[in-house]
Structures are given as structure tokens and as C-alpha cells.
Amino acid sequence: MSNENRKLDKILDFNKGFINNEEYKKYETSKNPDKKIVILSCMDTRLTDLLPKAMNLKNGDAKIIKNAGATVVHPFGSIMRSIIVAIYEFEVDEVLIVGHHGCGMCNLNTENLINKIIDKGVPSETIDILSNSGVDIEKWLHGFESVEDSIIDSVEMVKNHPITPKDIIVHGLVMCPNTGEISVVVDGYKNK
């Protein structure tokens, strides 16, 4: 790989200037979210700046967790762990699950994705070994059929988790990735 294509080198070069110019000072805050919220959002690149701006969030206002599809897939996976830590360690009292229209995880073609994995050099035997070991790789990679249903499922997973406090408010929202418009799927104030 030629030096001009090395992404990390470009990041590190920029970072030196960022530090030397003390640009970090405008982002200084504590580790505790000022608005006492944690947001689970999709990793979609369109939401990187749009989501905080559309929700009037500045650095330090919220804990933001991102994954493919803004989904809580497993009750004891890393997403749920992060939400639990935010609640108990950082005094979060509201959880917002924020999906978006046009999500790549909606109706994801897992067969096509597995073919891409194999095309990148992972032997098909590895996929077979995983399948024979009890890992349903297609189910694991599969997203969802409806963003709204997925949000409802994730809200229920958080709200009904055995160690989620009963007074935690959990909302489910859908965002337009083009305009930032937010629609309420689950109003946590009504579902207390």
C-alpha cells in the first residue's frame, strides 16, 4: 500500500495539528452525560453529525452507542451491557433507541453478504464449521424486516431486562437520514 493511501497516517497527521492547536478545548466535558440520556443509534454514516444536531445534542450531553441497525440483539451482549453501565454508573434515566428509514440492516440479503465474506478470502468451510457448531450465521447476520418492529423489540429488550430499573424510561424513535426528522414509535412516558 502506498503512503498516500494509508488512512491511519492521514488521521495521525491531522491529530498532531488538532492537539498542537488545542482544538480539543472546545470539546472538554465530563464523562457523565449532562442530559442523563443514552442513545442507541445505527452506525450509518449519514447519522454521524445529523443525529446530534437534529436532537440538539452537544458534546457531553449524551452517551451514544452505535451498531448496525440500532438493535439490541442479545440481552447479555455488549449493547445491553453498555446501556446498563450508562444507567448505573453514569446516572442515565432515559434510553432512546433511534433507528432510521432506509437502514441497510432492513431486509439485508444474508446470502449475498456471506458470498462477499467468502469472496474476501474466508473459506466457505469456515462458514460450514460455524454452522455445524451451532452458530446460525445467517440469523446472526440478518437484520430485520421492519425498522419500526425492530425498534419496538429493542425497546422491550431494554425495558424488560432483569437488571434494568423499573423507573427507566425507554423511547423508540425513527429518524429520516436525509432531513433529521424524528418520529416516535414508542413514547416511553406513556409506557411507564
N, C-alpha and C. Protein backbone atom coordinates (compact mmCIF):
# COMPACT_ATOMS: atom_id res chain seq x y z
N MET A 1 0.85 -1.17 0.00
CA MET A 1 0.00 0.00 0.00
C MET A 1 0.89 1.24 0.00
N SER A 2 0.63 2.14 -0.91
CA SER A 2 1.43 3.36 -0.97
C SER A 2 1.09 4.29 0.19
N ASN A 3 2.04 5.14 0.56
CA ASN A 3 1.86 6.02 1.72
C ASN A 3 0.67 6.96 1.58
N GLU A 4 0.36 7.40 0.35
CA GLU A 4 -0.76 8.34 0.19
C GLU A 4 -2.12 7.68 0.42
N ASN A 5 -2.16 6.34 0.46
CA ASN A 5 -3.41 5.62 0.70
C ASN A 5 -3.55 5.11 2.13
N ARG A 6 -2.60 5.44 2.97
CA ARG A 6 -2.62 4.95 4.35
C ARG A 6 -3.49 5.87 5.20
N LYS A 7 -4.69 5.43 5.45
CA LYS A 7 -5.69 6.25 6.16
C LYS A 7 -5.24 6.60 7.57
N LEU A 8 -4.65 5.64 8.29
CA LEU A 8 -4.20 5.92 9.65
C LEU A 8 -3.15 7.03 9.66
N ASP A 9 -2.23 7.01 8.72
CA ASP A 9 -1.20 8.06 8.68
C ASP A 9 -1.84 9.44 8.52
N LYS A 10 -2.85 9.54 7.67
CA LYS A 10 -3.55 10.82 7.48
C LYS A 10 -4.24 11.26 8.77
N ILE A 11 -4.85 10.30 9.45
CA ILE A 11 -5.52 10.62 10.71
C ILE A 11 -4.52 11.11 11.74
N LEU A 12 -3.39 10.42 11.86
CA LEU A 12 -2.38 10.80 12.85
C LEU A 12 -1.76 12.15 12.53
N ASP A 13 -1.54 12.43 11.25
CA ASP A 13 -1.01 13.75 10.86
C ASP A 13 -1.99 14.86 11.25
N PHE A 14 -3.26 14.66 10.95
CA PHE A 14 -4.27 15.65 11.32
C PHE A 14 -4.31 15.82 12.83
N ASN A 15 -4.23 14.68 13.56
CA ASN A 15 -4.33 14.70 15.01
C ASN A 15 -3.23 15.55 15.64
N LYS A 16 -2.03 15.51 15.09
CA LYS A 16 -0.93 16.34 15.62
C LYS A 16 -1.31 17.82 15.58
N GLY A 17 -1.87 18.26 14.48
CA GLY A 17 -2.31 19.65 14.37
C GLY A 17 -3.45 19.95 15.32
N PHE A 18 -4.38 19.02 15.44
CA PHE A 18 -5.52 19.18 16.35
C PHE A 18 -5.05 19.42 17.78
N ILE A 19 -4.07 18.62 18.21
CA ILE A 19 -3.52 18.75 19.56
C ILE A 19 -2.71 20.04 19.68
N ASN A 20 -1.82 20.27 18.73
CA ASN A 20 -0.95 21.46 18.79
C ASN A 20 -1.75 22.76 18.79
N ASN A 21 -2.86 22.79 18.08
CA ASN A 21 -3.71 23.98 18.02
C ASN A 21 -4.74 24.04 19.14
N GLU A 22 -4.69 23.07 20.04
CA GLU A 22 -5.59 22.97 21.19
C GLU A 22 -7.07 23.02 20.80
N GLU A 23 -7.38 22.41 19.66
CA GLU A 23 -8.77 22.38 19.19
C GLU A 23 -9.65 21.53 20.10
N TYR A 24 -9.06 20.65 20.88
CA TYR A 24 -9.80 19.78 21.79
C TYR A 24 -10.51 20.57 22.89
N LYS A 25 -10.04 21.76 23.18
CA LYS A 25 -10.59 22.53 24.31
C LYS A 25 -12.08 22.80 24.15
N LYS A 26 -12.54 22.97 22.93
CA LYS A 26 -13.98 23.25 22.74
C LYS A 26 -14.85 22.01 22.98
N TYR A 27 -14.23 20.85 23.18
CA TYR A 27 -14.98 19.62 23.41
C TYR A 27 -14.85 19.12 24.85
N GLU A 28 -14.17 19.86 25.69
CA GLU A 28 -13.96 19.41 27.07
C GLU A 28 -15.28 19.32 27.81
N THR A 29 -15.46 18.21 28.50
CA THR A 29 -16.66 17.94 29.27
C THR A 29 -16.35 16.82 30.25
N SER A 30 -17.31 16.44 31.07
CA SER A 30 -17.11 15.31 31.97
C SER A 30 -17.56 14.02 31.29
N LYS A 31 -17.32 12.90 31.94
CA LYS A 31 -17.75 11.63 31.37
C LYS A 31 -19.23 11.35 31.63
N ASN A 32 -19.86 12.14 32.48
CA ASN A 32 -21.28 11.97 32.79
C ASN A 32 -22.12 12.78 31.82
N PRO A 33 -23.14 12.16 31.23
CA PRO A 33 -23.96 12.88 30.26
C PRO A 33 -24.83 13.94 30.93
N ASP A 34 -24.68 15.17 30.48
CA ASP A 34 -25.42 16.29 31.08
C ASP A 34 -26.94 16.10 31.01
N LYS A 35 -27.44 15.54 29.92
CA LYS A 35 -28.88 15.36 29.77
C LYS A 35 -29.37 14.02 30.31
N LYS A 36 -28.46 13.23 30.88
CA LYS A 36 -28.78 11.95 31.52
C LYS A 36 -29.53 11.00 30.58
N ILE A 37 -29.07 10.96 29.32
CA ILE A 37 -29.67 10.03 28.36
C ILE A 37 -28.58 9.19 27.70
N VAL A 38 -28.99 8.01 27.29
CA VAL A 38 -28.14 7.15 26.47
C VAL A 38 -28.94 6.87 25.20
N ILE A 39 -28.24 6.95 24.08
CA ILE A 39 -28.87 6.75 22.78
C ILE A 39 -28.22 5.56 22.11
N LEU A 40 -29.05 4.64 21.65
CA LEU A 40 -28.58 3.58 20.76
C LEU A 40 -29.01 3.98 19.37
N SER A 41 -28.02 4.16 18.50
CA SER A 41 -28.27 4.61 17.13
C SER A 41 -27.58 3.67 16.16
N CYS A 42 -27.99 3.76 14.93
CA CYS A 42 -27.35 2.99 13.87
C CYS A 42 -25.99 3.58 13.54
N MET A 43 -25.10 2.75 13.02
CA MET A 43 -23.77 3.20 12.63
C MET A 43 -23.74 3.89 11.27
N ASP A 44 -24.91 4.05 10.65
CA ASP A 44 -25.00 4.68 9.33
C ASP A 44 -24.26 6.02 9.33
N THR A 45 -23.42 6.21 8.33
CA THR A 45 -22.59 7.42 8.26
C THR A 45 -23.41 8.70 8.15
N ARG A 46 -24.62 8.60 7.63
CA ARG A 46 -25.46 9.80 7.49
C ARG A 46 -25.88 10.36 8.84
N LEU A 47 -25.79 9.54 9.89
CA LEU A 47 -26.24 9.97 11.21
C LEU A 47 -25.11 10.51 12.09
N THR A 48 -23.88 10.43 11.63
CA THR A 48 -22.74 10.82 12.46
C THR A 48 -22.90 12.24 13.00
N ASP A 49 -23.11 13.20 12.15
CA ASP A 49 -23.34 14.58 12.59
C ASP A 49 -24.81 14.92 12.68
N LEU A 50 -25.62 14.32 11.81
CA LEU A 50 -27.03 14.66 11.73
C LEU A 50 -27.79 14.35 13.02
N LEU A 51 -27.59 13.17 13.57
CA LEU A 51 -28.34 12.77 14.76
C LEU A 51 -28.14 13.74 15.92
N PRO A 52 -26.92 14.06 16.32
CA PRO A 52 -26.78 15.01 17.43
C PRO A 52 -27.35 16.40 17.12
N LYS A 53 -27.16 16.86 15.89
CA LYS A 53 -27.68 18.18 15.53
C LYS A 53 -29.21 18.18 15.54
N ALA A 54 -29.82 17.13 14.99
CA ALA A 54 -31.29 17.04 14.92
C ALA A 54 -31.91 16.86 16.30
N MET A 55 -31.12 16.39 17.27
CA MET A 55 -31.62 16.18 18.63
C MET A 55 -31.14 17.25 19.60
N ASN A 56 -30.48 18.28 19.08
CA ASN A 56 -29.95 19.37 19.91
C ASN A 56 -29.00 18.86 20.99
N LEU A 57 -28.08 18.00 20.57
CA LEU A 57 -27.09 17.45 21.49
C LEU A 57 -25.73 18.04 21.19
N LYS A 58 -25.03 18.41 22.23
CA LYS A 58 -23.65 18.85 22.07
C LYS A 58 -22.76 17.86 22.81
N ASN A 59 -21.47 18.00 22.60
CA ASN A 59 -20.52 17.11 23.26
C ASN A 59 -20.77 17.11 24.77
N GLY A 60 -20.91 15.95 25.34
CA GLY A 60 -21.13 15.83 26.78
C GLY A 60 -22.58 15.67 27.19
N ASP A 61 -23.52 15.82 26.27
CA ASP A 61 -24.94 15.73 26.62
C ASP A 61 -25.44 14.30 26.79
N ALA A 62 -24.92 13.36 26.02
CA ALA A 62 -25.48 12.01 26.00
C ALA A 62 -24.40 10.97 25.77
N LYS A 63 -24.66 9.77 26.24
CA LYS A 63 -23.87 8.61 25.86
C LYS A 63 -24.47 8.11 24.56
N ILE A 64 -23.66 7.94 23.53
CA ILE A 64 -24.17 7.47 22.25
C ILE A 64 -23.49 6.15 21.90
N ILE A 65 -24.30 5.13 21.71
CA ILE A 65 -23.84 3.79 21.34
C ILE A 65 -24.30 3.56 19.90
N LYS A 66 -23.44 2.99 19.08
CA LYS A 66 -23.83 2.73 17.69
C LYS A 66 -23.55 1.28 17.33
N ASN A 67 -24.46 0.73 16.54
CA ASN A 67 -24.23 -0.58 15.95
C ASN A 67 -25.04 -0.69 14.67
N ALA A 68 -24.90 -1.78 13.98
CA ALA A 68 -25.63 -1.99 12.73
C ALA A 68 -27.12 -2.17 13.04
N GLY A 69 -27.92 -1.19 12.65
CA GLY A 69 -29.36 -1.28 12.80
C GLY A 69 -29.94 -0.72 14.08
N ALA A 70 -29.11 -0.21 14.99
CA ALA A 70 -29.61 0.30 16.28
C ALA A 70 -30.44 -0.76 16.99
N THR A 71 -29.89 -1.96 17.07
CA THR A 71 -30.64 -3.08 17.64
C THR A 71 -29.97 -3.66 18.88
N VAL A 72 -30.80 -4.05 19.82
CA VAL A 72 -30.34 -4.84 20.96
C VAL A 72 -30.69 -6.27 20.61
N VAL A 73 -29.69 -7.02 20.19
CA VAL A 73 -29.91 -8.37 19.68
C VAL A 73 -29.91 -9.41 20.78
N HIS A 74 -29.06 -9.22 21.77
CA HIS A 74 -28.91 -10.22 22.82
C HIS A 74 -29.03 -9.54 24.18
N PRO A 75 -29.79 -10.13 25.10
CA PRO A 75 -29.97 -9.48 26.41
C PRO A 75 -28.69 -9.35 27.22
N PHE A 76 -27.67 -10.15 26.90
CA PHE A 76 -26.42 -10.05 27.64
C PHE A 76 -25.24 -9.79 26.70
N GLY A 77 -25.52 -9.09 25.59
CA GLY A 77 -24.47 -8.69 24.66
C GLY A 77 -23.89 -7.34 25.04
N SER A 78 -22.95 -6.87 24.24
CA SER A 78 -22.23 -5.64 24.56
C SER A 78 -23.11 -4.39 24.53
N ILE A 79 -24.13 -4.37 23.68
CA ILE A 79 -25.01 -3.20 23.62
C ILE A 79 -25.79 -3.07 24.93
N MET A 80 -26.38 -4.15 25.37
CA MET A 80 -27.15 -4.11 26.61
C MET A 80 -26.23 -3.81 27.79
N ARG A 81 -25.03 -4.35 27.78
CA ARG A 81 -24.07 -4.06 28.85
C ARG A 81 -23.78 -2.57 28.90
N SER A 82 -23.57 -1.95 27.74
CA SER A 82 -23.28 -0.52 27.70
C SER A 82 -24.45 0.30 28.24
N ILE A 83 -25.67 -0.10 27.90
CA ILE A 83 -26.85 0.61 28.40
C ILE A 83 -26.94 0.47 29.92
N ILE A 84 -26.73 -0.73 30.44
CA ILE A 84 -26.78 -0.96 31.89
C ILE A 84 -25.71 -0.14 32.60
N VAL A 85 -24.50 -0.12 32.06
CA VAL A 85 -23.43 0.69 32.65
C VAL A 85 -23.81 2.17 32.64
N ALA A 86 -24.38 2.65 31.55
CA ALA A 86 -24.80 4.06 31.47
C ALA A 86 -25.84 4.37 32.54
N ILE A 87 -26.76 3.46 32.77
CA ILE A 87 -27.81 3.67 33.76
C ILE A 87 -27.24 3.73 35.17
N TYR A 88 -26.44 2.74 35.52
CA TYR A 88 -25.98 2.65 36.91
C TYR A 88 -24.72 3.47 37.20
N GLU A 89 -23.82 3.55 36.26
CA GLU A 89 -22.55 4.23 36.50
C GLU A 89 -22.61 5.72 36.16
N PHE A 90 -23.44 6.09 35.20
CA PHE A 90 -23.47 7.48 34.73
C PHE A 90 -24.83 8.15 34.93
N GLU A 91 -25.68 7.52 35.75
CA GLU A 91 -26.94 8.10 36.20
C GLU A 91 -27.90 8.48 35.08
N VAL A 92 -27.87 7.71 34.01
CA VAL A 92 -28.81 7.91 32.90
C VAL A 92 -30.21 7.50 33.38
N ASP A 93 -31.22 8.30 33.01
CA ASP A 93 -32.58 7.95 33.41
C ASP A 93 -33.53 7.77 32.22
N GLU A 94 -33.01 8.02 31.00
CA GLU A 94 -33.82 7.76 29.80
C GLU A 94 -32.93 7.12 28.73
N VAL A 95 -33.52 6.16 28.02
CA VAL A 95 -32.84 5.45 26.94
C VAL A 95 -33.61 5.75 25.66
N LEU A 96 -32.89 6.12 24.61
CA LEU A 96 -33.51 6.37 23.31
C LEU A 96 -32.94 5.39 22.30
N ILE A 97 -33.81 4.57 21.71
CA ILE A 97 -33.42 3.67 20.63
C ILE A 97 -33.81 4.41 19.35
N VAL A 98 -32.81 4.75 18.52
CA VAL A 98 -33.07 5.58 17.34
C VAL A 98 -32.65 4.83 16.08
N GLY A 99 -33.64 4.28 15.39
CA GLY A 99 -33.41 3.67 14.08
C GLY A 99 -33.60 4.72 13.01
N HIS A 100 -33.51 4.29 11.76
CA HIS A 100 -33.71 5.26 10.68
C HIS A 100 -34.29 4.58 9.45
N HIS A 101 -34.96 5.37 8.65
CA HIS A 101 -35.51 4.89 7.38
C HIS A 101 -34.35 4.57 6.43
N GLY A 102 -34.55 3.60 5.56
CA GLY A 102 -33.52 3.24 4.59
C GLY A 102 -32.31 2.58 5.20
N CYS A 103 -32.50 1.89 6.32
CA CYS A 103 -31.39 1.23 7.01
C CYS A 103 -30.91 0.02 6.21
N GLY A 104 -29.61 -0.13 6.11
CA GLY A 104 -29.02 -1.26 5.40
C GLY A 104 -29.29 -2.60 6.05
N MET A 105 -29.66 -2.59 7.32
CA MET A 105 -29.96 -3.85 8.01
C MET A 105 -31.40 -4.32 7.75
N CYS A 106 -32.21 -3.45 7.20
CA CYS A 106 -33.60 -3.82 6.89
C CYS A 106 -33.60 -4.67 5.63
N ASN A 107 -34.10 -5.87 5.76
CA ASN A 107 -34.16 -6.83 4.65
C ASN A 107 -32.78 -7.11 4.05
N LEU A 108 -31.77 -7.16 4.90
CA LEU A 108 -30.41 -7.47 4.46
C LEU A 108 -30.37 -8.85 3.82
N ASN A 109 -29.76 -8.93 2.67
CA ASN A 109 -29.63 -10.20 1.97
C ASN A 109 -28.42 -10.94 2.54
N THR A 110 -28.68 -11.84 3.50
CA THR A 110 -27.58 -12.52 4.18
C THR A 110 -26.83 -13.47 3.26
N GLU A 111 -27.51 -14.07 2.31
CA GLU A 111 -26.83 -14.95 1.36
C GLU A 111 -25.79 -14.15 0.56
N ASN A 112 -26.17 -12.99 0.12
CA ASN A 112 -25.26 -12.11 -0.61
C ASN A 112 -24.09 -11.69 0.28
N LEU A 113 -24.38 -11.37 1.54
CA LEU A 113 -23.33 -10.97 2.48
C LEU A 113 -22.34 -12.11 2.73
N ILE A 114 -22.85 -13.31 2.89
CA ILE A 114 -21.97 -14.47 3.09
C ILE A 114 -21.10 -14.69 1.85
N ASN A 115 -21.65 -14.51 0.68
CA ASN A 115 -20.85 -14.61 -0.54
C ASN A 115 -19.74 -13.56 -0.57
N LYS A 116 -20.02 -12.35 -0.09
CA LYS A 116 -18.99 -11.31 -0.01
C LYS A 116 -17.89 -11.70 0.97
N ILE A 117 -18.30 -12.33 2.07
CA ILE A 117 -17.33 -12.79 3.07
C ILE A 117 -16.40 -13.82 2.43
N ILE A 118 -16.97 -14.75 1.70
CA ILE A 118 -16.18 -15.79 1.03
C ILE A 118 -15.31 -15.17 -0.06
N ASP A 119 -15.85 -14.20 -0.80
CA ASP A 119 -15.07 -13.51 -1.85
C ASP A 119 -13.87 -12.77 -1.28
N LYS A 120 -13.95 -12.34 -0.01
CA LYS A 120 -12.84 -11.63 0.64
C LYS A 120 -11.80 -12.59 1.20
N GLY A 121 -12.02 -13.90 1.02
CA GLY A 121 -10.99 -14.86 1.41
C GLY A 121 -11.32 -15.77 2.57
N VAL A 122 -12.46 -15.60 3.20
CA VAL A 122 -12.83 -16.52 4.28
C VAL A 122 -13.32 -17.80 3.61
N PRO A 123 -12.69 -18.93 3.92
CA PRO A 123 -13.08 -20.19 3.27
C PRO A 123 -14.53 -20.56 3.58
N SER A 124 -15.23 -21.07 2.59
CA SER A 124 -16.62 -21.50 2.80
C SER A 124 -16.67 -22.59 3.87
N GLU A 125 -15.57 -23.33 4.04
CA GLU A 125 -15.52 -24.35 5.08
C GLU A 125 -15.68 -23.71 6.47
N THR A 126 -15.15 -22.50 6.63
CA THR A 126 -15.29 -21.80 7.91
C THR A 126 -16.76 -21.53 8.21
N ILE A 127 -17.49 -21.11 7.19
CA ILE A 127 -18.93 -20.87 7.35
C ILE A 127 -19.61 -22.18 7.72
N ASP A 128 -19.22 -23.28 7.05
CA ASP A 128 -19.80 -24.59 7.34
C ASP A 128 -19.47 -25.04 8.77
N ILE A 129 -18.23 -24.81 9.20
CA ILE A 129 -17.82 -25.19 10.56
C ILE A 129 -18.65 -24.43 11.59
N LEU A 130 -18.82 -23.13 11.36
CA LEU A 130 -19.64 -22.33 12.27
C LEU A 130 -21.06 -22.86 12.32
N SER A 131 -21.61 -23.14 11.15
CA SER A 131 -22.99 -23.65 11.08
C SER A 131 -23.12 -24.99 11.80
N ASN A 132 -22.12 -25.86 11.62
CA ASN A 132 -22.15 -27.18 12.26
C ASN A 132 -21.86 -27.10 13.76
N SER A 133 -21.34 -25.97 14.22
CA SER A 133 -21.05 -25.78 15.64
C SER A 133 -22.21 -25.10 16.37
N GLY A 134 -23.31 -24.93 15.68
CA GLY A 134 -24.48 -24.35 16.32
C GLY A 134 -24.65 -22.85 16.09
N VAL A 135 -23.77 -22.24 15.32
CA VAL A 135 -23.91 -20.81 15.01
C VAL A 135 -24.72 -20.68 13.73
N ASP A 136 -25.88 -20.07 13.86
CA ASP A 136 -26.71 -19.82 12.68
C ASP A 136 -26.23 -18.49 12.10
N ILE A 137 -25.23 -18.57 11.24
CA ILE A 137 -24.59 -17.35 10.74
C ILE A 137 -25.56 -16.47 9.96
N GLU A 138 -26.48 -17.09 9.24
CA GLU A 138 -27.47 -16.28 8.51
C GLU A 138 -28.36 -15.52 9.47
N LYS A 139 -28.79 -16.17 10.54
CA LYS A 139 -29.62 -15.49 11.54
C LYS A 139 -28.82 -14.42 12.26
N TRP A 140 -27.56 -14.70 12.56
CA TRP A 140 -26.69 -13.77 13.26
C TRP A 140 -26.46 -12.51 12.42
N LEU A 141 -26.30 -12.67 11.13
CA LEU A 141 -26.05 -11.54 10.24
C LEU A 141 -27.34 -10.83 9.81
N HIS A 142 -28.45 -11.55 9.89
CA HIS A 142 -29.72 -10.99 9.41
C HIS A 142 -30.12 -9.78 10.24
N GLY A 143 -30.66 -8.81 9.56
CA GLY A 143 -31.14 -7.61 10.22
C GLY A 143 -32.58 -7.77 10.66
N PHE A 144 -33.47 -7.06 9.98
CA PHE A 144 -34.87 -7.07 10.35
C PHE A 144 -35.72 -6.74 9.14
N GLU A 145 -37.01 -6.99 9.26
CA GLU A 145 -37.93 -6.75 8.14
C GLU A 145 -38.55 -5.36 8.21
N SER A 146 -38.66 -4.80 9.41
CA SER A 146 -39.30 -3.51 9.62
C SER A 146 -38.53 -2.73 10.67
N VAL A 147 -38.12 -1.52 10.34
CA VAL A 147 -37.38 -0.70 11.30
C VAL A 147 -38.23 -0.42 12.53
N GLU A 148 -39.51 -0.19 12.34
CA GLU A 148 -40.38 0.09 13.48
C GLU A 148 -40.49 -1.13 14.41
N ASP A 149 -40.67 -2.31 13.83
CA ASP A 149 -40.76 -3.52 14.64
C ASP A 149 -39.44 -3.79 15.37
N SER A 150 -38.33 -3.53 14.70
CA SER A 150 -37.03 -3.73 15.31
C SER A 150 -36.84 -2.79 16.51
N ILE A 151 -37.28 -1.56 16.34
CA ILE A 151 -37.17 -0.59 17.44
C ILE A 151 -38.03 -1.04 18.62
N ILE A 152 -39.24 -1.47 18.35
CA ILE A 152 -40.13 -1.95 19.41
C ILE A 152 -39.49 -3.13 20.13
N ASP A 153 -38.92 -4.07 19.39
CA ASP A 153 -38.25 -5.23 20.00
C ASP A 153 -37.09 -4.78 20.90
N SER A 154 -36.29 -3.83 20.43
CA SER A 154 -35.15 -3.35 21.22
C SER A 154 -35.62 -2.60 22.47
N VAL A 155 -36.65 -1.78 22.34
CA VAL A 155 -37.21 -1.08 23.50
C VAL A 155 -37.67 -2.11 24.54
N GLU A 156 -38.38 -3.14 24.09
CA GLU A 156 -38.87 -4.17 25.01
C GLU A 156 -37.71 -4.91 25.68
N MET A 157 -36.65 -5.18 24.92
CA MET A 157 -35.48 -5.88 25.47
C MET A 157 -34.87 -5.05 26.60
N VAL A 158 -34.73 -3.75 26.39
CA VAL A 158 -34.14 -2.89 27.42
C VAL A 158 -35.10 -2.75 28.60
N LYS A 159 -36.33 -2.42 28.31
CA LYS A 159 -37.32 -2.17 29.38
C LYS A 159 -37.54 -3.40 30.25
N ASN A 160 -37.56 -4.59 29.65
CA ASN A 160 -37.86 -5.81 30.39
C ASN A 160 -36.63 -6.60 30.84
N HIS A 161 -35.46 -6.02 30.67
CA HIS A 161 -34.24 -6.70 31.09
C HIS A 161 -34.28 -6.89 32.61
N PRO A 162 -33.82 -8.04 33.10
CA PRO A 162 -33.93 -8.33 34.54
C PRO A 162 -33.19 -7.34 35.44
N ILE A 163 -32.17 -6.63 34.92
CA ILE A 163 -31.48 -5.68 35.80
C ILE A 163 -31.67 -4.22 35.38
N THR A 164 -32.62 -3.98 34.49
CA THR A 164 -32.99 -2.59 34.20
C THR A 164 -33.92 -2.12 35.31
N PRO A 165 -33.62 -0.97 35.92
CA PRO A 165 -34.53 -0.45 36.95
C PRO A 165 -35.91 -0.16 36.35
N LYS A 166 -36.94 -0.38 37.13
CA LYS A 166 -38.31 -0.22 36.63
C LYS A 166 -38.66 1.24 36.31
N ASP A 167 -37.91 2.20 36.86
CA ASP A 167 -38.24 3.60 36.61
C ASP A 167 -37.53 4.19 35.38
N ILE A 168 -36.76 3.38 34.68
CA ILE A 168 -36.07 3.86 33.48
C ILE A 168 -37.09 4.04 32.36
N ILE A 169 -36.98 5.16 31.68
CA ILE A 169 -37.87 5.46 30.56
C ILE A 169 -37.14 5.08 29.27
N VAL A 170 -37.81 4.30 28.42
CA VAL A 170 -37.20 3.83 27.18
C VAL A 170 -38.08 4.27 26.01
N HIS A 171 -37.50 5.06 25.11
CA HIS A 171 -38.21 5.56 23.93
C HIS A 171 -37.72 4.83 22.68
N GLY A 172 -38.57 4.75 21.68
CA GLY A 172 -38.21 4.22 20.38
C GLY A 172 -38.52 5.26 19.32
N LEU A 173 -37.51 5.62 18.54
CA LEU A 173 -37.65 6.68 17.54
C LEU A 173 -37.15 6.23 16.19
N VAL A 174 -37.68 6.83 15.13
CA VAL A 174 -37.17 6.62 13.78
C VAL A 174 -36.78 7.98 13.22
N MET A 175 -35.60 8.04 12.63
CA MET A 175 -35.10 9.29 12.06
C MET A 175 -35.03 9.18 10.54
N CYS A 176 -35.33 10.27 9.88
CA CYS A 176 -35.10 10.35 8.44
C CYS A 176 -33.63 10.70 8.25
N PRO A 177 -32.85 9.87 7.55
CA PRO A 177 -31.41 10.12 7.41
C PRO A 177 -31.08 11.27 6.46
N ASN A 178 -32.09 11.82 5.81
CA ASN A 178 -31.86 12.95 4.91
C ASN A 178 -32.15 14.28 5.57
N THR A 179 -33.25 14.34 6.34
CA THR A 179 -33.67 15.60 6.93
C THR A 179 -33.44 15.69 8.43
N GLY A 180 -33.32 14.53 9.11
CA GLY A 180 -33.20 14.51 10.56
C GLY A 180 -34.54 14.50 11.28
N GLU A 181 -35.64 14.46 10.52
CA GLU A 181 -36.96 14.43 11.15
C GLU A 181 -37.09 13.17 12.00
N ILE A 182 -37.64 13.34 13.20
CA ILE A 182 -37.79 12.24 14.15
C ILE A 182 -39.27 11.92 14.33
N SER A 183 -39.59 10.62 14.25
CA SER A 183 -40.94 10.14 14.52
C SER A 183 -40.88 9.22 15.73
N VAL A 184 -41.90 9.30 16.56
CA VAL A 184 -41.96 8.48 17.77
C VAL A 184 -42.66 7.17 17.45
N VAL A 185 -41.98 6.07 17.76
CA VAL A 185 -42.55 4.73 17.62
C VAL A 185 -43.04 4.26 18.99
N VAL A 186 -42.22 4.49 20.00
CA VAL A 186 -42.59 4.15 21.39
C VAL A 186 -42.32 5.38 22.25
N ASP A 187 -43.37 5.90 22.86
CA ASP A 187 -43.26 7.01 23.79
C ASP A 187 -43.07 6.43 25.17
N GLY A 188 -41.86 6.47 25.67
CA GLY A 188 -41.54 5.87 26.97
C GLY A 188 -42.29 6.48 28.14
N TYR A 189 -42.75 7.72 28.00
CA TYR A 189 -43.53 8.34 29.08
C TYR A 189 -44.89 7.68 29.21
N LYS A 190 -45.43 7.21 28.11
CA LYS A 190 -46.75 6.55 28.12
C LYS A 190 -46.65 5.10 28.55
N ASN A 191 -45.46 4.51 28.40
CA ASN A 191 -45.27 3.08 28.71
C ASN A 191 -44.60 2.85 30.05
N LYS A 192 -44.70 3.80 30.94
CA LYS A 192 -44.04 3.66 32.25
C LYS A 192 -44.64 2.59 33.10
